[in-house]
């Protein structure tokens, strides 16, 4: 049985998304925000899915595609 650390919990991914969407990481980065909301949503966080959709409304198709690729790459490595 594999255990996960607190950093692997959907809530921590959701918090990363919030930090990037609000500029708490130094600047607003909607691509990173979308990526982390997507990862949290993939792990079962429904609130992250709602936030991901809100952020997507402010992004271009290219930005959304970039965020989705980044999320898939992150998930495949972890």
N, C-alpha and C. Protein backbone atom coordinates (compact mmCIF):
# COMPACT_ATOMS: atom_id res chain seq x y z
N UNK A 1 0.84 -1.18 0.00
CA UNK A 1 0.00 0.00 0.00
C UNK A 1 0.88 1.24 0.00
N UNK A 2 0.61 2.12 -0.96
CA UNK A 2 1.40 3.35 -1.07
C UNK A 2 0.66 4.48 -0.37
N UNK A 3 1.38 5.21 0.46
CA UNK A 3 0.77 6.35 1.12
C UNK A 3 1.19 7.60 0.38
N UNK A 4 0.38 8.64 0.52
CA UNK A 4 0.73 9.89 -0.15
C UNK A 4 1.00 10.95 0.91
N UNK A 5 1.91 11.83 0.57
CA UNK A 5 2.23 12.91 1.49
C UNK A 5 1.18 14.00 1.36
N UNK A 6 1.20 14.93 2.29
CA UNK A 6 0.24 16.04 2.25
C UNK A 6 0.39 16.82 0.95
N UNK A 7 1.59 16.87 0.40
CA UNK A 7 1.81 17.57 -0.86
C UNK A 7 1.18 16.89 -2.06
N UNK A 8 0.74 15.63 -1.90
CA UNK A 8 0.11 14.89 -2.99
C UNK A 8 -1.41 14.89 -2.90
N UNK A 9 -1.96 15.61 -1.96
CA UNK A 9 -3.39 15.65 -1.78
C UNK A 9 -4.02 16.65 -2.74
N UNK A 10 -5.23 16.36 -3.25
CA UNK A 10 -5.88 17.29 -4.18
C UNK A 10 -5.95 18.73 -3.65
N UNK A 11 -6.13 18.87 -2.34
CA UNK A 11 -6.23 20.21 -1.76
C UNK A 11 -4.95 21.01 -1.97
N UNK A 12 -3.80 20.34 -1.89
CA UNK A 12 -2.55 21.07 -2.09
C UNK A 12 -2.40 21.51 -3.54
N UNK A 13 -2.86 20.70 -4.48
CA UNK A 13 -2.82 21.09 -5.89
C UNK A 13 -3.79 22.26 -6.13
N UNK A 14 -4.96 22.18 -5.51
CA UNK A 14 -5.94 23.26 -5.62
C UNK A 14 -5.35 24.57 -5.09
N UNK A 15 -4.67 24.50 -3.95
CA UNK A 15 -4.05 25.69 -3.37
C UNK A 15 -3.00 26.28 -4.30
N UNK A 16 -2.25 25.43 -4.98
CA UNK A 16 -1.27 25.93 -5.96
C UNK A 16 -1.98 26.68 -7.08
N UNK A 17 -3.09 26.13 -7.54
CA UNK A 17 -3.88 26.81 -8.57
C UNK A 17 -4.36 28.17 -8.10
N UNK A 18 -4.85 28.23 -6.87
CA UNK A 18 -5.30 29.51 -6.32
C UNK A 18 -4.15 30.51 -6.24
N UNK A 19 -2.99 30.04 -5.81
CA UNK A 19 -1.83 30.93 -5.68
C UNK A 19 -1.46 31.53 -7.03
N UNK A 20 -1.42 30.72 -8.07
CA UNK A 20 -1.07 31.25 -9.40
C UNK A 20 -2.17 32.12 -9.97
N UNK A 21 -3.44 31.80 -9.70
CA UNK A 21 -4.53 32.60 -10.26
C UNK A 21 -4.66 33.95 -9.57
N UNK A 22 -4.19 34.04 -8.33
CA UNK A 22 -4.28 35.29 -7.58
C UNK A 22 -2.97 36.07 -7.56
N UNK A 23 -1.92 35.50 -8.13
CA UNK A 23 -0.64 36.19 -8.14
C UNK A 23 0.15 36.07 -6.86
N UNK A 24 -0.19 35.09 -6.04
CA UNK A 24 0.54 34.90 -4.78
C UNK A 24 1.94 34.33 -5.00
N UNK A 25 2.22 33.88 -6.22
CA UNK A 25 3.55 33.36 -6.55
C UNK A 25 4.39 34.45 -7.22
N UNK A 26 3.98 35.70 -7.06
CA UNK A 26 4.73 36.82 -7.62
C UNK A 26 4.02 37.47 -8.79
N UNK A 27 3.29 36.69 -9.57
CA UNK A 27 2.55 37.23 -10.70
C UNK A 27 1.40 36.28 -11.01
N UNK A 28 0.37 36.80 -11.64
CA UNK A 28 -0.73 35.95 -12.07
C UNK A 28 -0.24 35.12 -13.26
N UNK A 29 -0.45 33.82 -13.19
CA UNK A 29 -0.06 32.92 -14.28
C UNK A 29 -1.22 31.96 -14.50
N UNK A 30 -2.08 32.31 -15.46
CA UNK A 30 -3.28 31.51 -15.69
C UNK A 30 -2.98 30.13 -16.23
N UNK A 31 -1.89 29.99 -16.98
CA UNK A 31 -1.52 28.67 -17.49
C UNK A 31 -1.16 27.75 -16.33
N UNK A 32 -0.34 28.23 -15.41
CA UNK A 32 0.02 27.42 -14.23
C UNK A 32 -1.20 27.18 -13.35
N UNK A 33 -2.05 28.19 -13.19
CA UNK A 33 -3.26 28.02 -12.38
C UNK A 33 -4.13 26.92 -12.98
N UNK A 34 -4.37 26.99 -14.28
CA UNK A 34 -5.19 25.99 -14.96
C UNK A 34 -4.57 24.60 -14.80
N UNK A 35 -3.26 24.52 -14.96
CA UNK A 35 -2.56 23.23 -14.81
C UNK A 35 -2.83 22.63 -13.44
N UNK A 36 -2.64 23.41 -12.38
CA UNK A 36 -2.81 22.87 -11.03
C UNK A 36 -4.27 22.58 -10.71
N UNK A 37 -5.20 23.41 -11.20
CA UNK A 37 -6.62 23.10 -11.01
C UNK A 37 -6.96 21.81 -11.75
N UNK A 38 -6.40 21.61 -12.92
CA UNK A 38 -6.66 20.39 -13.68
C UNK A 38 -6.14 19.16 -12.94
N UNK A 39 -4.95 19.26 -12.38
CA UNK A 39 -4.38 18.14 -11.62
C UNK A 39 -5.25 17.84 -10.41
N UNK A 40 -5.65 18.87 -9.69
CA UNK A 40 -6.52 18.67 -8.52
C UNK A 40 -7.85 18.05 -8.93
N UNK A 41 -8.42 18.53 -10.03
CA UNK A 41 -9.69 17.99 -10.51
C UNK A 41 -9.53 16.52 -10.91
N UNK A 42 -8.41 16.19 -11.53
CA UNK A 42 -8.16 14.79 -11.91
C UNK A 42 -8.05 13.89 -10.69
N UNK A 43 -7.68 14.47 -9.55
CA UNK A 43 -7.56 13.72 -8.30
C UNK A 43 -8.85 13.77 -7.48
N UNK A 44 -9.93 14.36 -8.06
CA UNK A 44 -11.23 14.32 -7.41
C UNK A 44 -11.72 15.60 -6.76
N UNK A 45 -11.01 16.69 -6.90
CA UNK A 45 -11.41 17.95 -6.26
C UNK A 45 -12.40 18.69 -7.17
N UNK A 46 -13.68 18.68 -6.78
CA UNK A 46 -14.72 19.31 -7.60
C UNK A 46 -14.60 20.83 -7.65
N UNK A 47 -14.18 21.43 -6.56
CA UNK A 47 -14.01 22.88 -6.54
C UNK A 47 -12.93 23.29 -7.54
N UNK A 48 -11.90 22.49 -7.66
CA UNK A 48 -10.82 22.78 -8.61
C UNK A 48 -11.36 22.77 -10.04
N UNK A 49 -12.26 21.86 -10.33
CA UNK A 49 -12.85 21.80 -11.67
C UNK A 49 -13.61 23.08 -11.97
N UNK A 50 -14.34 23.60 -11.00
CA UNK A 50 -15.07 24.87 -11.20
C UNK A 50 -14.10 26.02 -11.42
N UNK A 51 -13.06 26.09 -10.63
CA UNK A 51 -12.07 27.15 -10.78
C UNK A 51 -11.34 27.03 -12.13
N UNK A 52 -11.06 25.83 -12.53
CA UNK A 52 -10.41 25.61 -13.83
C UNK A 52 -11.26 26.21 -14.95
N UNK A 53 -12.57 26.00 -14.90
CA UNK A 53 -13.45 26.54 -15.92
C UNK A 53 -13.48 28.07 -15.89
N UNK A 54 -13.47 28.64 -14.69
CA UNK A 54 -13.44 30.10 -14.56
C UNK A 54 -12.16 30.68 -15.17
N UNK A 55 -11.04 30.08 -14.84
CA UNK A 55 -9.75 30.54 -15.36
C UNK A 55 -9.72 30.38 -16.88
N UNK A 56 -10.25 29.28 -17.38
CA UNK A 56 -10.25 29.02 -18.82
C UNK A 56 -11.00 30.11 -19.58
N UNK A 57 -11.99 30.71 -18.95
CA UNK A 57 -12.74 31.79 -19.59
C UNK A 57 -11.91 33.02 -19.87
N UNK A 58 -10.75 33.13 -19.23
CA UNK A 58 -9.86 34.27 -19.42
C UNK A 58 -8.64 33.91 -20.27
N UNK A 59 -8.63 32.70 -20.82
CA UNK A 59 -7.45 32.21 -21.55
C UNK A 59 -7.78 31.98 -23.02
N UNK A 60 -6.74 32.03 -23.86
CA UNK A 60 -6.89 31.68 -25.27
C UNK A 60 -6.88 30.15 -25.40
N UNK A 61 -7.30 29.68 -26.55
CA UNK A 61 -7.27 28.23 -26.80
C UNK A 61 -5.85 27.69 -26.70
N UNK A 62 -4.90 28.47 -27.19
CA UNK A 62 -3.50 28.04 -27.14
C UNK A 62 -3.01 27.92 -25.69
N UNK A 63 -3.40 28.88 -24.86
CA UNK A 63 -3.00 28.83 -23.45
C UNK A 63 -3.62 27.62 -22.76
N UNK A 64 -4.89 27.35 -23.05
CA UNK A 64 -5.56 26.19 -22.45
C UNK A 64 -4.86 24.91 -22.89
N UNK A 65 -4.54 24.82 -24.17
CA UNK A 65 -3.84 23.63 -24.68
C UNK A 65 -2.49 23.46 -23.99
N UNK A 66 -1.79 24.56 -23.79
CA UNK A 66 -0.49 24.51 -23.11
C UNK A 66 -0.66 24.02 -21.67
N UNK A 67 -1.67 24.53 -20.98
CA UNK A 67 -1.92 24.13 -19.60
C UNK A 67 -2.30 22.65 -19.51
N UNK A 68 -3.12 22.19 -20.44
CA UNK A 68 -3.52 20.78 -20.45
C UNK A 68 -2.32 19.87 -20.70
N UNK A 69 -1.46 20.26 -21.63
CA UNK A 69 -0.24 19.47 -21.88
C UNK A 69 0.63 19.41 -20.64
N UNK A 70 0.79 20.56 -19.98
CA UNK A 70 1.63 20.61 -18.78
C UNK A 70 1.05 19.72 -17.68
N UNK A 71 -0.26 19.73 -17.53
CA UNK A 71 -0.90 18.88 -16.51
C UNK A 71 -0.70 17.40 -16.84
N UNK A 72 -0.90 17.04 -18.10
CA UNK A 72 -0.71 15.63 -18.50
C UNK A 72 0.73 15.19 -18.26
N UNK A 73 1.67 16.05 -18.62
CA UNK A 73 3.08 15.72 -18.40
C UNK A 73 3.37 15.54 -16.92
N UNK A 74 2.85 16.43 -16.09
CA UNK A 74 3.09 16.34 -14.65
C UNK A 74 2.50 15.03 -14.10
N UNK A 75 1.27 14.74 -14.49
CA UNK A 75 0.60 13.52 -14.00
C UNK A 75 1.36 12.28 -14.46
N UNK A 76 1.86 12.28 -15.68
CA UNK A 76 2.57 11.10 -16.17
C UNK A 76 3.91 10.89 -15.46
N UNK A 77 4.48 11.95 -14.92
CA UNK A 77 5.76 11.83 -14.20
C UNK A 77 5.58 11.52 -12.72
N UNK A 78 4.40 11.72 -12.19
CA UNK A 78 4.20 11.53 -10.74
C UNK A 78 3.21 10.45 -10.50
